[in-house]
C-alpha atoms as a PDB file:
ATOM      1  CA  MET A   1      20.867  52.181 150.588  1.00  0.00           C
ATOM      2  CA  LYS A   2      19.906  51.797 146.843  1.00  0.00           C
ATOM      3  CA  LYS A   3      17.255  54.495 145.517  1.00  0.00           C
ATOM      4  CA  ILE A   4      13.944  52.433 144.159  1.00  0.00           C
ATOM      5  CA  LYS A   5      12.246  54.669 141.498  1.00  0.00           C
ATOM      6  CA  TYR A   6       8.539  54.454 140.504  1.00  0.00           C
ATOM      7  CA  ARG A   7       6.171  55.541 137.931  1.00  0.00           C
ATOM      8  CA  PHE A   8       2.593  56.393 138.092  1.00  0.00           C
ATOM      9  CA  ASP A   9       0.431  54.032 135.900  1.00  0.00           C
ATOM     10  CA  PRO A  10      -2.607  55.988 134.873  1.00  0.00           C
ATOM     11  CA  ALA A  11      -4.355  52.948 133.336  1.00  0.00           C
ATOM     12  CA  ASN A  12      -3.851  50.849 136.559  1.00  0.00           C
ATOM     13  CA  LEU A  13      -3.926  53.974 138.740  1.00  0.00           C
ATOM     14  CA  GLN A  14      -0.900  52.928 140.875  1.00  0.00           C
ATOM     15  CA  TYR A  15       2.531  53.366 141.039  1.00  0.00           C
ATOM     16  CA  VAL A  16       4.897  50.714 139.120  1.00  0.00           C
ATOM     17  CA  HIS A  17       8.171  50.116 139.883  1.00  0.00           C
ATOM     18  CA  VAL A  18      10.724  51.197 137.433  1.00  0.00           C
ATOM     19  CA  LYS A  19      13.582  48.838 136.517  1.00  0.00           C
ATOM     20  CA  THR A  20      16.645  50.512 134.567  1.00  0.00           C
ATOM     21  CA  SER A  21      18.120  48.189 131.609  1.00  0.00           C
ATOM     22  CA  ILE A  22      21.930  47.216 131.621  1.00  0.00           C
ATOM     23  CA  TRP A  23      22.306  49.280 128.263  1.00  0.00           C
ATOM     24  CA  VAL A  24      20.841  52.622 129.760  1.00  0.00           C
ATOM     25  CA  LYS A  25      23.187  52.292 132.844  1.00  0.00           C
ATOM     26  CA  ILE A  26      26.364  51.656 130.643  1.00  0.00           C
ATOM     27  CA  LEU A  27      25.435  54.604 128.544  1.00  0.00           C
ATOM     28  CA  ARG A  28      25.007  56.790 131.564  1.00  0.00           C
ATOM     29  CA  ILE A  29      28.502  55.666 132.567  1.00  0.00           C
ATOM     30  CA  PHE A  30      29.763  56.271 129.368  1.00  0.00           C
ATOM     31  CA  GLY A  31      28.313  59.732 129.335  1.00  0.00           C
ATOM     32  CA  PHE A  32      29.485  60.383 132.331  1.00  0.00           C
ATOM     33  CA  LEU A  33      33.383  59.497 131.886  1.00  0.00           C
ATOM     34  CA  SER A  34      32.973  60.974 128.792  1.00  0.00           C
ATOM     35  CA  ALA A  35      31.842  64.313 130.234  1.00  0.00           C
ATOM     36  CA  SER A  36      34.484  63.932 132.944  1.00  0.00           C
ATOM     37  CA  ALA A  37      37.238  63.431 130.172  1.00  0.00           C
ATOM     38  CA  VAL A  38      36.392  66.373 128.293  1.00  0.00           C
ATOM     39  CA  ALA A  39      36.142  68.609 131.466  1.00  0.00           C
ATOM     40  CA  GLY A  40      39.209  67.486 132.823  1.00  0.00           C
ATOM     41  CA  PHE A  41      41.132  67.970 129.242  1.00  0.00           C
ATOM     42  CA  VAL A  42      39.695  71.570 129.093  1.00  0.00           C
ATOM     43  CA  PHE A  43      40.747  72.224 132.692  1.00  0.00           C
ATOM     44  CA  LEU A  44      44.236  70.806 131.925  1.00  0.00           C
ATOM     45  CA  THR A  45      44.585  72.659 128.744  1.00  0.00           C
ATOM     46  CA  ILE A  46      43.352  75.974 130.543  1.00  0.00           C
ATOM     47  CA  ALA A  47      45.931  75.260 133.453  1.00  0.00           C
ATOM     48  CA  TYR A  48      48.704  74.562 130.902  1.00  0.00           C
ATOM     49  CA  SER A  49      48.134  77.523 129.121  1.00  0.00           C
ATOM     50  CA  LEU A  50      48.121  79.888 132.342  1.00  0.00           C
ATOM     51  CA  LEU A  51      50.692  77.825 134.552  1.00  0.00           C
ATOM     52  CA  ASP A  52      54.069  76.034 133.800  1.00  0.00           C
ATOM     53  CA  SER A  53      54.835  72.745 134.539  1.00  0.00           C
ATOM     54  CA  PRO A  54      57.850  71.851 136.575  1.00  0.00           C
ATOM     55  CA  LYS A  55      59.784  70.899 133.611  1.00  0.00           C
ATOM     56  CA  GLU A  56      58.864  74.339 131.867  1.00  0.00           C
ATOM     57  CA  LYS A  57      59.814  76.040 134.857  1.00  0.00           C
ATOM     58  CA  LEU A  58      63.342  74.476 134.758  1.00  0.00           C
ATOM     59  CA  LEU A  59      63.714  75.186 130.899  1.00  0.00           C
ATOM     60  CA  LYS A  60      62.095  78.906 131.446  1.00  0.00           C
ATOM     61  CA  ARG A  61      65.120  78.990 134.140  1.00  0.00           C
ATOM     62  CA  GLU A  62      67.963  77.707 131.907  1.00  0.00           C
ATOM     63  CA  ILE A  63      66.974  80.175 129.136  1.00  0.00           C
ATOM     64  CA  SER A  64      66.942  82.906 131.274  1.00  0.00           C
ATOM     65  CA  ASN A  65      70.345  81.980 132.799  1.00  0.00           C
ATOM     66  CA  LYS A  66      71.682  81.382 129.061  1.00  0.00           C
ATOM     67  CA  LYS A  67      70.602  85.019 128.157  1.00  0.00           C
ATOM     68  CA  ILE A  68      72.227  86.421 131.306  1.00  0.00           C
ATOM     69  CA  GLN A  69      75.150  84.481 130.573  1.00  0.00           C
ATOM     70  CA  LEU A  70      75.012  85.579 126.650  1.00  0.00           C
ATOM     71  CA  GLU A  71      74.705  89.373 127.973  1.00  0.00           C
ATOM     72  CA  LEU A  72      77.676  88.951 130.484  1.00  0.00           C
ATOM     73  CA  LEU A  73      79.852  87.283 127.455  1.00  0.00           C
ATOM     74  CA  SER A  74      78.772  90.212 125.290  1.00  0.00           C
ATOM     75  CA  ASP A  75      79.845  92.656 127.816  1.00  0.00           C
ATOM     76  CA  LYS A  76      83.285  90.936 128.249  1.00  0.00           C
ATOM     77  CA  ALA A  77      83.645  90.917 124.575  1.00  0.00           C
ATOM     78  CA  LYS A  78      83.525  94.533 124.441  1.00  0.00           C
ATOM     79  CA  LYS A  79      85.751  95.419 127.261  1.00  0.00           C
ATOM     80  CA  ALA A  80      88.332  92.994 125.735  1.00  0.00           C
ATOM     81  CA  GLU A  81      87.880  94.842 122.473  1.00  0.00           C
ATOM     82  CA  LYS A  82      88.540  98.127 124.056  1.00  0.00           C
ATOM     83  CA  ILE A  83      91.884  96.787 125.863  1.00  0.00           C
ATOM     84  CA  LEU A  84      92.757  95.339 122.581  1.00  0.00           C
ATOM     85  CA  ALA A  85      92.213  98.656 120.714  1.00  0.00           C
ATOM     86  CA  SER A  86      94.278 100.745 122.936  1.00  0.00           C
ATOM     87  CA  LEU A  87      97.095  97.790 122.654  1.00  0.00           C
ATOM     88  CA  GLU A  88      96.928  98.271 118.806  1.00  0.00           C
ATOM     89  CA  GLU A  89      96.959 102.082 119.245  1.00  0.00           C
ATOM     90  CA  ARG A  90     100.327 101.931 121.507  1.00  0.00           C
ATOM     91  CA  ASP A  91     101.473  99.436 119.119  1.00  0.00           C
ATOM     92  CA  ASP A  92     101.274 101.437 116.119  1.00  0.00           C
ATOM     93  CA  LYS A  93     101.945 105.174 117.432  1.00  0.00           C
ATOM     94  CA  ILE A  94     104.669 104.085 120.097  1.00  0.00           C
ATOM     95  CA  TYR A  95     106.460 100.686 120.099  1.00  0.00           C
ATOM     96  CA  ARG A  96     106.468 100.306 116.038  1.00  0.00           C
ATOM     97  CA  GLU A  97     107.930 104.354 116.011  1.00  0.00           C
ATOM     98  CA  ILE A  98     110.642 103.493 118.375  1.00  0.00           C
ATOM     99  CA  PHE A  99     111.877 100.743 116.174  1.00  0.00           C
ATOM    100  CA  GLY A 100     111.465 102.180 112.859  1.00  0.00           C
ATOM    101  CA  ALA A 101     108.613  99.819 111.847  1.00  0.00           C
ATOM    102  CA  GLU A 102     105.436 100.618 109.770  1.00  0.00           C
ATOM    103  CA  PRO A 103     101.942 100.401 111.405  1.00  0.00           C
ATOM    104  CA  ILE A 104      99.905  97.521 110.701  1.00  0.00           C
ATOM    105  CA  ASP A 105      97.318  98.343 108.226  1.00  0.00           C
ATOM    106  CA  VAL A 106      93.848  98.243 109.507  1.00  0.00           C
ATOM    107  CA  SER A 107      92.675  96.120 106.786  1.00  0.00           C
ATOM    108  CA  VAL A 108      95.026  93.451 108.053  1.00  0.00           C
ATOM    109  CA  ARG A 109      94.093  93.695 111.700  1.00  0.00           C
ATOM    110  CA  ASN A 110      90.280  93.393 110.748  1.00  0.00           C
ATOM    111  CA  ALA A 111      90.414  90.856 108.120  1.00  0.00           C
ATOM    112  CA  GLY A 112      87.816  88.303 108.225  1.00  0.00           C
ATOM    113  CA  THR A 113      87.871  84.955 109.920  1.00  0.00           C
ATOM    114  CA  GLY A 114      85.739  82.814 107.763  1.00  0.00           C
ATOM    115  CA  GLY A 115      82.448  82.337 105.082  1.00  0.00           C
ATOM    116  CA  VAL A 116      78.895  82.842 105.701  1.00  0.00           C
ATOM    117  CA  ASP A 117      78.358  79.357 106.228  1.00  0.00           C
ATOM    118  CA  LYS A 118      80.487  79.173 109.260  1.00  0.00           C
ATOM    119  CA  TYR A 119      77.614  80.310 111.476  1.00  0.00           C
ATOM    120  CA  LYS A 120      74.657  78.226 109.661  1.00  0.00           C
ATOM    121  CA  SER A 121      74.687  75.678 112.500  1.00  0.00           C
ATOM    122  CA  LEU A 122      73.715  78.201 115.041  1.00  0.00           C
ATOM    123  CA  LYS A 123      70.866  79.596 113.179  1.00  0.00           C
ATOM    124  CA  ASN A 124      68.531  76.620 115.044  1.00  0.00           C
ATOM    125  CA  TYR A 125      69.095  78.124 118.369  1.00  0.00           C
ATOM    126  CA  ASN A 126      66.716  80.342 120.280  1.00  0.00           C
ATOM    127  CA  ASN A 127      68.242  83.811 120.049  1.00  0.00           C
ATOM    128  CA  ALA A 128      70.263  82.948 116.917  1.00  0.00           C
ATOM    129  CA  ASP A 129      71.092  86.479 115.985  1.00  0.00           C
ATOM    130  CA  GLU A 130      72.617  87.209 119.242  1.00  0.00           C
ATOM    131  CA  ILE A 131      74.508  84.137 119.387  1.00  0.00           C
ATOM    132  CA  ILE A 132      75.797  84.703 115.845  1.00  0.00           C
ATOM    133  CA  LYS A 133      76.585  88.038 116.500  1.00  0.00           C
ATOM    134  CA  LEU A 134      78.806  87.393 119.586  1.00  0.00           C
ATOM    135  CA  HIS A 135      80.432  84.499 117.684  1.00  0.00           C
ATOM    136  CA  LYS A 136      81.264  86.906 114.961  1.00  0.00           C
ATOM    137  CA  SER A 137      82.561  89.288 117.486  1.00  0.00           C
ATOM    138  CA  LEU A 138      84.623  86.679 119.339  1.00  0.00           C
ATOM    139  CA  ASP A 139      86.186  85.174 116.083  1.00  0.00           C
ATOM    140  CA  LYS A 140      87.201  89.091 115.015  1.00  0.00           C
ATOM    141  CA  LEU A 141      88.539  89.670 118.176  1.00  0.00           C
ATOM    142  CA  ASN A 142      90.629  86.492 118.135  1.00  0.00           C
ATOM    143  CA  ARG A 143      91.958  87.404 114.719  1.00  0.00           C
ATOM    144  CA  ARG A 144      92.838  90.854 115.892  1.00  0.00           C
ATOM    145  CA  MET A 145      94.775  89.284 119.050  1.00  0.00           C
ATOM    146  CA  TYR A 146      96.331  86.785 116.787  1.00  0.00           C
ATOM    147  CA  VAL A 147      97.800  89.869 114.578  1.00  0.00           C
ATOM    148  CA  GLN A 148      98.734  91.673 117.620  1.00  0.00           C
ATOM    149  CA  SER A 149     100.320  88.628 119.254  1.00  0.00           C
ATOM    150  CA  LYS A 150     102.629  88.436 115.840  1.00  0.00           C
ATOM    151  CA  SER A 151     103.227  91.796 115.877  1.00  0.00           C
ATOM    152  CA  TYR A 152     104.619  91.784 119.787  1.00  0.00           C
ATOM    153  CA  ASP A 153     106.809  88.658 118.264  1.00  0.00           C
ATOM    154  CA  ASP A 154     108.387  91.160 115.653  1.00  0.00           C
ATOM    155  CA  LEU A 155     108.765  93.854 118.001  1.00  0.00           C
ATOM    156  CA  SER A 156     110.826  91.519 120.270  1.00  0.00           C
ATOM    157  CA  LYS A 157     113.068  90.772 117.358  1.00  0.00           C
ATOM    158  CA  LEU A 158     113.321  94.435 116.430  1.00  0.00           C
ATOM    159  CA  ALA A 159     114.309  95.177 119.835  1.00  0.00           C
ATOM    160  CA  ARG A 160     117.000  92.419 119.820  1.00  0.00           C
ATOM    161  CA  GLU A 161     118.180  93.457 116.755  1.00  0.00           C
ATOM    162  CA  LYS A 162     118.013  97.204 117.947  1.00  0.00           C
ATOM    163  CA  HIS A 163     120.175  96.023 121.300  1.00  0.00           C
ATOM    164  CA  ASN A 164     122.608  94.237 119.140  1.00  0.00           C
ATOM    165  CA  MET A 165     123.137  97.058 116.566  1.00  0.00           C
ATOM    166  CA  LEU A 166     123.486  99.514 119.680  1.00  0.00           C
ATOM    167  CA  SER A 167     126.336  97.381 121.267  1.00  0.00           C
ATOM    168  CA  SER A 168     127.612  96.907 117.796  1.00  0.00           C
ATOM    169  CA  ILE A 169     127.777 100.312 116.163  1.00  0.00           C
ATOM    170  CA  PRO A 170     131.291 102.090 116.871  1.00  0.00           C
ATOM    171  CA  ALA A 171     130.292 104.592 119.526  1.00  0.00           C
ATOM    172  CA  ILE A 172     133.744 105.303 121.560  1.00  0.00           C
ATOM    173  CA  GLN A 173     137.293 106.334 120.807  1.00  0.00           C
ATOM    174  CA  PRO A 174     139.726 103.464 120.468  1.00  0.00           C
ATOM    175  CA  VAL A 175     142.122 104.858 122.685  1.00  0.00           C
ATOM    176  CA  ALA A 176     141.909 106.590 126.061  1.00  0.00           C
ATOM    177  CA  ASN A 177     141.349 110.357 125.323  1.00  0.00           C
ATOM    178  CA  LYS A 178     139.022 111.927 127.719  1.00  0.00           C
ATOM    179  CA  ASN A 179     141.069 114.819 127.921  1.00  0.00           C
ATOM    180  CA  LEU A 180     141.026 115.005 124.048  1.00  0.00           C
ATOM    181  CA  LYS A 181     145.070 115.517 123.876  1.00  0.00           C
ATOM    182  CA  HIS A 182     145.763 112.488 121.646  1.00  0.00           C
ATOM    183  CA  VAL A 183     143.765 113.483 118.375  1.00  0.00           C
ATOM    184  CA  ALA A 184     146.858 114.461 115.878  1.00  0.00           C
ATOM    185  CA  SER A 185     145.133 114.534 112.852  1.00  0.00           C
ATOM    186  CA  GLY A 186     141.588 114.008 111.647  1.00  0.00           C
ATOM    187  CA  TYR A 187     139.230 112.778 108.569  1.00  0.00           C
ATOM    188  CA  GLY A 188     139.732 114.309 105.176  1.00  0.00           C
ATOM    189  CA  TYR A 189     142.224 115.938 103.169  1.00  0.00           C
ATOM    190  CA  ARG A 190     145.420 116.016 105.026  1.00  0.00           C
ATOM    191  CA  ILE A 191     149.350 116.822 103.980  1.00  0.00           C
ATOM    192  CA  ASP A 192     151.117 113.618 103.404  1.00  0.00           C
ATOM    193  CA  PRO A 193     153.888 113.260 106.320  1.00  0.00           C
ATOM    194  CA  ILE A 194     156.284 111.898 103.469  1.00  0.00           C
ATOM    195  CA  TYR A 195     155.250 112.929 100.147  1.00  0.00           C
ATOM    196  CA  ARG A 196     154.411 116.049 101.537  1.00  0.00           C
ATOM    197  CA  THR A 197     151.246 116.399  99.113  1.00  0.00           C
ATOM    198  CA  GLY A 198     147.638 116.903  99.565  1.00  0.00           C
ATOM    199  CA  LYS A 199     146.006 113.496 100.067  1.00  0.00           C
ATOM    200  CA  PHE A 200     142.565 112.167 101.295  1.00  0.00           C
ATOM    201  CA  HIS A 201     142.861 110.710 104.981  1.00  0.00           C
ATOM    202  CA  GLU A 202     140.080 108.118 105.321  1.00  0.00           C
ATOM    203  CA  GLY A 203     140.483 107.656 109.395  1.00  0.00           C
ATOM    204  CA  MET A 204     141.403 109.437 112.571  1.00  0.00           C
ATOM    205  CA  ASP A 205     145.338 109.518 114.066  1.00  0.00           C
ATOM    206  CA  PHE A 206     145.695 109.458 117.696  1.00  0.00           C
ATOM    207  CA  THR A 207     148.947 109.929 119.161  1.00  0.00           C
ATOM    208  CA  SER A 208     149.981 107.523 122.136  1.00  0.00           C
ATOM    209  CA  PRO A 209     153.208 105.968 123.477  1.00  0.00           C
ATOM    210  CA  VAL A 210     153.992 102.408 122.139  1.00  0.00           C
ATOM    211  CA  GLY A 211     151.948  99.928 124.046  1.00  0.00           C
ATOM    212  CA  THR A 212     148.924 101.866 124.790  1.00  0.00           C
ATOM    213  CA  PRO A 213     146.220  99.423 124.721  1.00  0.00           C
ATOM    214  CA  VAL A 214     143.652  99.686 121.753  1.00  0.00           C
ATOM    215  CA  ILE A 215     140.317  99.171 122.285  1.00  0.00           C
ATOM    216  CA  ALA A 216     137.301  97.792 120.028  1.00  0.00           C
ATOM    217  CA  THR A 217     134.699 100.602 119.772  1.00  0.00           C
ATOM    218  CA  GLY A 218     131.852  98.449 119.364  1.00  0.00           C
ATOM    219  CA  ASP A 219     130.714  94.352 119.468  1.00  0.00           C
ATOM    220  CA  GLY A 220     131.880  92.463 116.714  1.00  0.00           C
ATOM    221  CA  VAL A 221     133.807  89.831 114.927  1.00  0.00           C
ATOM    222  CA  VAL A 222     137.850  89.874 114.280  1.00  0.00           C
ATOM    223  CA  GLU A 223     137.583  89.774 110.289  1.00  0.00           C
ATOM    224  CA  LEU A 224     141.480  90.932 109.505  1.00  0.00           C
ATOM    225  CA  ILE A 225     144.524  90.610 111.175  1.00  0.00           C
ATOM    226  CA  GLU A 226     147.234  91.526 109.018  1.00  0.00           C
ATOM    227  CA  SER A 227     150.893  92.476 109.282  1.00  0.00           C
ATOM    228  CA  ARG A 228     152.562  94.520 106.595  1.00  0.00           C
ATOM    229  CA  GLN A 229     155.955  96.508 106.055  1.00  0.00           C
ATOM    230  CA  TRP A 230     154.179  99.596 104.444  1.00  0.00           C
ATOM    231  CA  GLY A 231     150.862 101.099 104.407  1.00  0.00           C
ATOM    232  CA  TYR A 232     148.802  99.963 107.606  1.00  0.00           C
ATOM    233  CA  GLY A 233     151.605  98.184 109.002  1.00  0.00           C
ATOM    234  CA  ASN A 234     150.241  95.490 111.686  1.00  0.00           C
ATOM    235  CA  ASN A 235     146.285  96.130 111.536  1.00  0.00           C
ATOM    236  CA  ILE A 236     143.055  94.863 112.799  1.00  0.00           C
ATOM    237  CA  VAL A 237     139.699  94.979 110.767  1.00  0.00           C
ATOM    238  CA  ILE A 238     136.771  94.247 112.852  1.00  0.00           C
ATOM    239  CA  ASN A 239     133.436  93.414 111.365  1.00  0.00           C
ATOM    240  CA  HIS A 240     130.636  94.859 113.793  1.00  0.00           C
ATOM    241  CA  GLY A 241     127.558  93.715 111.351  1.00  0.00           C
ATOM    242  CA  PHE A 242     124.522  96.286 110.167  1.00  0.00           C
ATOM    243  CA  GLY A 243     127.196  97.396 107.502  1.00  0.00           C
ATOM    244  CA  TYR A 244     129.811  98.678 109.915  1.00  0.00           C
ATOM    245  CA  LYS A 245     133.494  97.591 110.173  1.00  0.00           C
ATOM    246  CA  THR A 246     136.360  99.521 111.923  1.00  0.00           C
ATOM    247  CA  ARG A 247     140.129  99.436 111.250  1.00  0.00           C
ATOM    248  CA  TYR A 248     143.055 100.047 114.110  1.00  0.00           C
ATOM    249  CA  ALA A 249     146.548 100.245 112.253  1.00  0.00           C
ATOM    250  CA  HIS A 250     150.127 100.612 112.958  1.00  0.00           C
ATOM    251  CA  LEU A 251     149.987  98.446 116.071  1.00  0.00           C
ATOM    252  CA  SER A 252     152.862  96.887 117.787  1.00  0.00           C
ATOM    253  CA  LYS A 253     151.152  93.967 119.082  1.00  0.00           C
ATOM    254  CA  PHE A 254     147.801  91.872 118.465  1.00  0.00           C
ATOM    255  CA  LYS A 255     145.956  90.990 121.492  1.00  0.00           C
ATOM    256  CA  VAL A 256     142.670  88.853 119.518  1.00  0.00           C
ATOM    257  CA  LYS A 257     142.920  86.374 116.777  1.00  0.00           C
ATOM    258  CA  LYS A 258     140.973  86.119 113.091  1.00  0.00           C
ATOM    259  CA  GLY A 259     137.388  85.053 113.901  1.00  0.00           C
ATOM    260  CA  GLN A 260     137.339  85.878 117.556  1.00  0.00           C
ATOM    261  CA  LYS A 261     134.257  87.534 118.702  1.00  0.00           C
ATOM    262  CA  VAL A 262     134.937  90.955 120.876  1.00  0.00           C
ATOM    263  CA  LYS A 263     133.058  93.347 122.967  1.00  0.00           C
ATOM    264  CA  ARG A 264     133.039  97.245 122.853  1.00  0.00           C
ATOM    265  CA  GLY A 265     136.040  98.190 125.089  1.00  0.00           C
ATOM    266  CA  GLN A 266     137.936  95.169 125.104  1.00  0.00           C
ATOM    267  CA  ALA A 267     141.410  95.633 124.348  1.00  0.00           C
ATOM    268  CA  ILE A 268     142.623  94.328 120.866  1.00  0.00           C
ATOM    269  CA  GLY A 269     146.256  95.257 120.564  1.00  0.00           C
ATOM    270  CA  LEU A 270     148.774  97.911 121.566  1.00  0.00           C
ATOM    271  CA  VAL A 271     149.697 101.394 119.961  1.00  0.00           C
ATOM    272  CA  GLY A 272     152.878 101.066 117.737  1.00  0.00           C
ATOM    273  CA  ASN A 273     154.882 102.738 114.849  1.00  0.00           C
ATOM    274  CA  THR A 274     154.417 100.102 112.194  1.00  0.00           C
ATOM    275  CA  GLY A 275     153.954 100.349 108.529  1.00  0.00           C
ATOM    276  CA  LYS A 276     153.758 103.861 106.769  1.00  0.00           C
ATOM    277  CA  SER A 277     154.087 105.982 110.018  1.00  0.00           C
ATOM    278  CA  THR A 278     155.978 108.749 111.012  1.00  0.00           C
ATOM    279  CA  GLY A 279     155.659 108.348 115.041  1.00  0.00           C
ATOM    280  CA  PRO A 280     154.046 106.011 117.825  1.00  0.00           C
ATOM    281  CA  HIS A 281     150.182 106.574 116.830  1.00  0.00           C
ATOM    282  CA  LEU A 282     146.844 104.683 115.912  1.00  0.00           C
ATOM    283  CA  HIS A 283     145.243 105.162 112.727  1.00  0.00           C
ATOM    284  CA  TYR A 284     141.702 104.685 113.317  1.00  0.00           C
ATOM    285  CA  GLU A 285     138.796 104.054 110.457  1.00  0.00           C
ATOM    286  CA  VAL A 286     135.088 103.656 110.719  1.00  0.00           C
ATOM    287  CA  ILE A 287     133.805 101.871 107.309  1.00  0.00           C
ATOM    288  CA  LYS A 288     130.182 101.783 106.601  1.00  0.00           C
ATOM    289  CA  ASN A 289     128.603 100.313 103.875  1.00  0.00           C
ATOM    290  CA  LYS A 290     132.151  99.459 102.166  1.00  0.00           C
ATOM    291  CA  LYS A 291     132.797 103.396 102.408  1.00  0.00           C
ATOM    292  CA  PRO A 292     135.074 105.295 105.092  1.00  0.00           C
ATOM    293  CA  VAL A 293     133.297 107.840 107.038  1.00  0.00           C
ATOM    294  CA  ASN A 294     134.068 110.284 109.445  1.00  0.00           C
ATOM    295  CA  PRO A 295     134.866 108.567 113.277  1.00  0.00           C
ATOM    296  CA  ALA A 296     134.698 111.777 114.877  1.00  0.00           C
ATOM    297  CA  ASN A 297     130.656 111.261 114.230  1.00  0.00           C
ATOM    298  CA  TYR A 298     130.958 108.018 116.331  1.00  0.00           C
ATOM    299  CA  TYR A 299     132.175 109.223 119.844  1.00  0.00           C
ATOM    300  CA  TYR A 300     128.807 110.243 121.523  1.00  0.00           C
ATOM    301  CA  ASN A 301     129.067 107.077 124.028  1.00  0.00           C
ATOM    302  CA  ASP A 302     131.737 108.382 126.074  1.00  0.00           C
ATOM    303  CA  LEU A 303     132.312 112.078 125.730  1.00  0.00           C
ATOM    304  CA  THR A 304     130.157 115.119 126.990  1.00  0.00           C
ATOM    305  CA  PRO A 305     128.375 117.161 124.607  1.00  0.00           C
ATOM    306  CA  GLU A 306     131.062 119.872 124.993  1.00  0.00           C
ATOM    307  CA  GLN A 307     133.651 117.330 124.523  1.00  0.00           C
ATOM    308  CA  TYR A 308     131.965 116.019 121.289  1.00  0.00           C
ATOM    309  CA  GLU A 309     131.847 119.479 119.893  1.00  0.00           C
ATOM    310  CA  ALA A 310     135.372 120.083 120.781  1.00  0.00           C
ATOM    311  CA  ILE A 311     136.600 116.680 119.164  1.00  0.00           C
ATOM    312  CA  LEU A 312     134.441 117.552 116.116  1.00  0.00           C
ATOM    313  CA  LYS A 313     136.491 121.037 115.629  1.00  0.00           C
ATOM    314  CA  LEU A 314     140.001 119.535 116.493  1.00  0.00           C
ATOM    315  CA  SER A 315     139.441 116.562 113.775  1.00  0.00           C
ATOM    316  CA  SER A 316     138.625 119.077 111.329  1.00  0.00           C
ATOM    317  CA  THR A 317     141.676 121.162 111.548  1.00  0.00           C
ATOM    318  CA  TYR A 318     143.703 120.895 108.193  1.00  0.00           C
ATOM    319  CA  ASN A 319     147.128 119.885 109.046  1.00  0.00           C
ATOM    320  CA  GLN A 320     149.853 117.039 108.379  1.00  0.00           C
ATOM    321  CA  SER A 321     148.761 113.262 108.921  1.00  0.00           C
ATOM    322  CA  PHE A 322     150.908 110.779 110.927  1.00  0.00           C
ATOM    323  CA  ASP A 323     150.614 108.275 107.897  1.00  0.00           C
END
């Protein structure tokens, strides 16, 4: 029921019905709405300052997750850096030492990966300093990993070359001689069997019956097959690479051809008595960097230390050579 207002009129000594104008009503409604709007704004402002909206809660949750992920990535980067540092140390102090390679300089491993502007686009993000620091750390790690990967490629090549070198260097006797009874004359000055004068003997002589197999003392390629009436007689030269060659002289028969690849221990010919020779034997030379060297220093693969020492003594005896 609508309320009716009255006011006392002293002039007439009676109550008079009060009528409210439409403009007053409008003004009151507007005032109420304005007060409500202000109160609502104040309330919402206080609420938003103290309480998070669902969207803000979601964003804060995402930011928290990002921070956790950033910390986890930083920890992983530090662990990876420790592992890489260990690999680098072993690379320099063990692997490269084994293959005779120089250690990689620290300045090469820690070389820069870009200028300052590289990280400019990251400065607008939250936690920009942490993000840029992590990116710098990862870029440096990637650079070091690349250098280490290249180092392993180089070491792999060195290992293959080392294997080839160890297989190629003359390292056994050219005839079966485990009892060491076939050494007739060694490297150095010896008495020439024909001219009876002192002459430098550039190899070693092994006495064996005609037809005894002669074997390659290292992997290589047959560089020369030669038949002569004097001097070396029928002889073979094998090029082993790495500056090494070997010569097998006074043969009775060849079992290989020029240009043929041979393996250590492979039969390449038979002992004979051709050329300047006073009896069936094999004249064997080791040539390093175009100069003859003492073959007795290259029998370590098929002799015990005691046998090796004994053959060194036998080869150093001053006597008459067979050629």
